[in-house]
C-alpha atoms as a PDB file:
ATOM      1  CA  UNK A   1     -21.485  16.228   0.273  1.00  0.00           C
ATOM      2  CA  UNK A   2     -19.362  13.705   1.800  1.00  0.00           C
ATOM      3  CA  UNK A   3     -17.856  11.905  -1.424  1.00  0.00           C
ATOM      4  CA  UNK A   4     -15.608   8.534  -1.233  1.00  0.00           C
ATOM      5  CA  UNK A   5     -11.533   9.407  -1.113  1.00  0.00           C
ATOM      6  CA  UNK A   6     -10.458   7.900  -4.466  1.00  0.00           C
ATOM      7  CA  UNK A   7      -6.875   7.208  -3.488  1.00  0.00           C
ATOM      8  CA  UNK A   8      -7.788   5.691  -0.554  1.00  0.00           C
ATOM      9  CA  UNK A   9      -6.638   2.489  -0.014  1.00  0.00           C
ATOM     10  CA  UNK A  10      -9.093  -0.529   0.862  1.00  0.00           C
ATOM     11  CA  UNK A  11      -9.471  -1.813   4.403  1.00  0.00           C
ATOM     12  CA  UNK A  12      -7.886  -4.778   2.766  1.00  0.00           C
ATOM     13  CA  UNK A  13      -4.976  -3.426   0.843  1.00  0.00           C
ATOM     14  CA  UNK A  14      -4.267  -1.721   4.626  1.00  0.00           C
ATOM     15  CA  UNK A  15      -4.081  -4.851   6.522  1.00  0.00           C
ATOM     16  CA  UNK A  16      -1.892  -6.633   3.653  1.00  0.00           C
ATOM     17  CA  UNK A  17       0.478  -3.934   4.184  1.00  0.00           C
ATOM     18  CA  UNK A  18       0.716  -3.841   7.694  1.00  0.00           C
ATOM     19  CA  UNK A  19       0.952  -7.907   7.896  1.00  0.00           C
ATOM     20  CA  UNK A  20       3.710  -7.412   5.164  1.00  0.00           C
ATOM     21  CA  UNK A  21       5.289  -4.909   7.796  1.00  0.00           C
ATOM     22  CA  UNK A  22       4.950  -6.620  10.587  1.00  0.00           C
ATOM     23  CA  UNK A  23       6.342 -10.154   8.791  1.00  0.00           C
ATOM     24  CA  UNK A  24       9.632  -8.059   7.720  1.00  0.00           C
ATOM     25  CA  UNK A  25      10.193  -5.991  11.469  1.00  0.00           C
ATOM     26  CA  UNK A  26       9.590  -9.926  13.107  1.00  0.00           C
ATOM     27  CA  UNK A  27      12.482 -11.153  10.308  1.00  0.00           C
ATOM     28  CA  UNK A  28      14.441  -8.442  11.315  1.00  0.00           C
ATOM     29  CA  UNK A  29      13.753  -8.739  14.735  1.00  0.00           C
ATOM     30  CA  UNK A  30      14.849 -12.895  14.500  1.00  0.00           C
ATOM     31  CA  UNK A  31      18.231 -12.256  12.814  1.00  0.00           C
ATOM     32  CA  UNK A  32      19.316  -9.315  14.811  1.00  0.00           C
ATOM     33  CA  UNK A  33      19.220 -10.677  18.516  1.00  0.00           C
ATOM     34  CA  UNK A  34      21.354 -13.519  19.423  1.00  0.00           C
ATOM     35  CA  UNK A  35      19.912 -13.724  23.177  1.00  0.00           C
ATOM     36  CA  UNK A  36      16.454 -13.300  23.665  1.00  0.00           C
ATOM     37  CA  UNK A  37      15.681 -10.986  26.864  1.00  0.00           C
ATOM     38  CA  UNK A  38      11.870 -10.928  28.198  1.00  0.00           C
ATOM     39  CA  UNK A  39      11.069  -8.013  26.698  1.00  0.00           C
ATOM     40  CA  UNK A  40      12.445  -9.320  22.926  1.00  0.00           C
ATOM     41  CA  UNK A  41       9.910 -12.253  23.850  1.00  0.00           C
ATOM     42  CA  UNK A  42       7.142 -10.214  24.831  1.00  0.00           C
ATOM     43  CA  UNK A  43       7.584  -8.046  21.513  1.00  0.00           C
ATOM     44  CA  UNK A  44       8.074 -10.745  19.580  1.00  0.00           C
ATOM     45  CA  UNK A  45       4.911 -12.760  20.820  1.00  0.00           C
ATOM     46  CA  UNK A  46       2.719  -9.474  20.810  1.00  0.00           C
ATOM     47  CA  UNK A  47       3.762  -8.803  16.891  1.00  0.00           C
ATOM     48  CA  UNK A  48       2.779 -13.085  16.408  1.00  0.00           C
ATOM     49  CA  UNK A  49      -0.548 -12.259  17.787  1.00  0.00           C
ATOM     50  CA  UNK A  50      -1.065  -9.251  15.807  1.00  0.00           C
ATOM     51  CA  UNK A  51      -0.098 -11.525  12.233  1.00  0.00           C
ATOM     52  CA  UNK A  52      -2.746 -13.627  13.812  1.00  0.00           C
ATOM     53  CA  UNK A  53      -5.485 -11.186  14.230  1.00  0.00           C
ATOM     54  CA  UNK A  54      -4.823 -10.033  10.735  1.00  0.00           C
ATOM     55  CA  UNK A  55      -5.143 -13.034   9.258  1.00  0.00           C
ATOM     56  CA  UNK A  56      -8.425 -13.582  10.641  1.00  0.00           C
ATOM     57  CA  UNK A  57      -9.814 -10.343   9.374  1.00  0.00           C
ATOM     58  CA  UNK A  58      -8.627 -11.209   6.021  1.00  0.00           C
ATOM     59  CA  UNK A  59      -9.820 -14.651   5.989  1.00  0.00           C
ATOM     60  CA  UNK A  60     -13.289 -13.064   6.873  1.00  0.00           C
ATOM     61  CA  UNK A  61     -13.307 -10.255   4.411  1.00  0.00           C
ATOM     62  CA  UNK A  62     -12.717 -13.026   1.449  1.00  0.00           C
END
């Protein structure tokens, strides 16, 4: 009864899309901030950590 949905993206495609989105967000943040606050630094570090985790998951899948 539970058939696979044909149009759903694979987990790898989802990770790649998330990585692209986060990379663009990080680039946008860097270009918009002149002087960074502590919160901005924490946000950037969290995004970098998430990107690292995504890279590990993608390496594990290939």
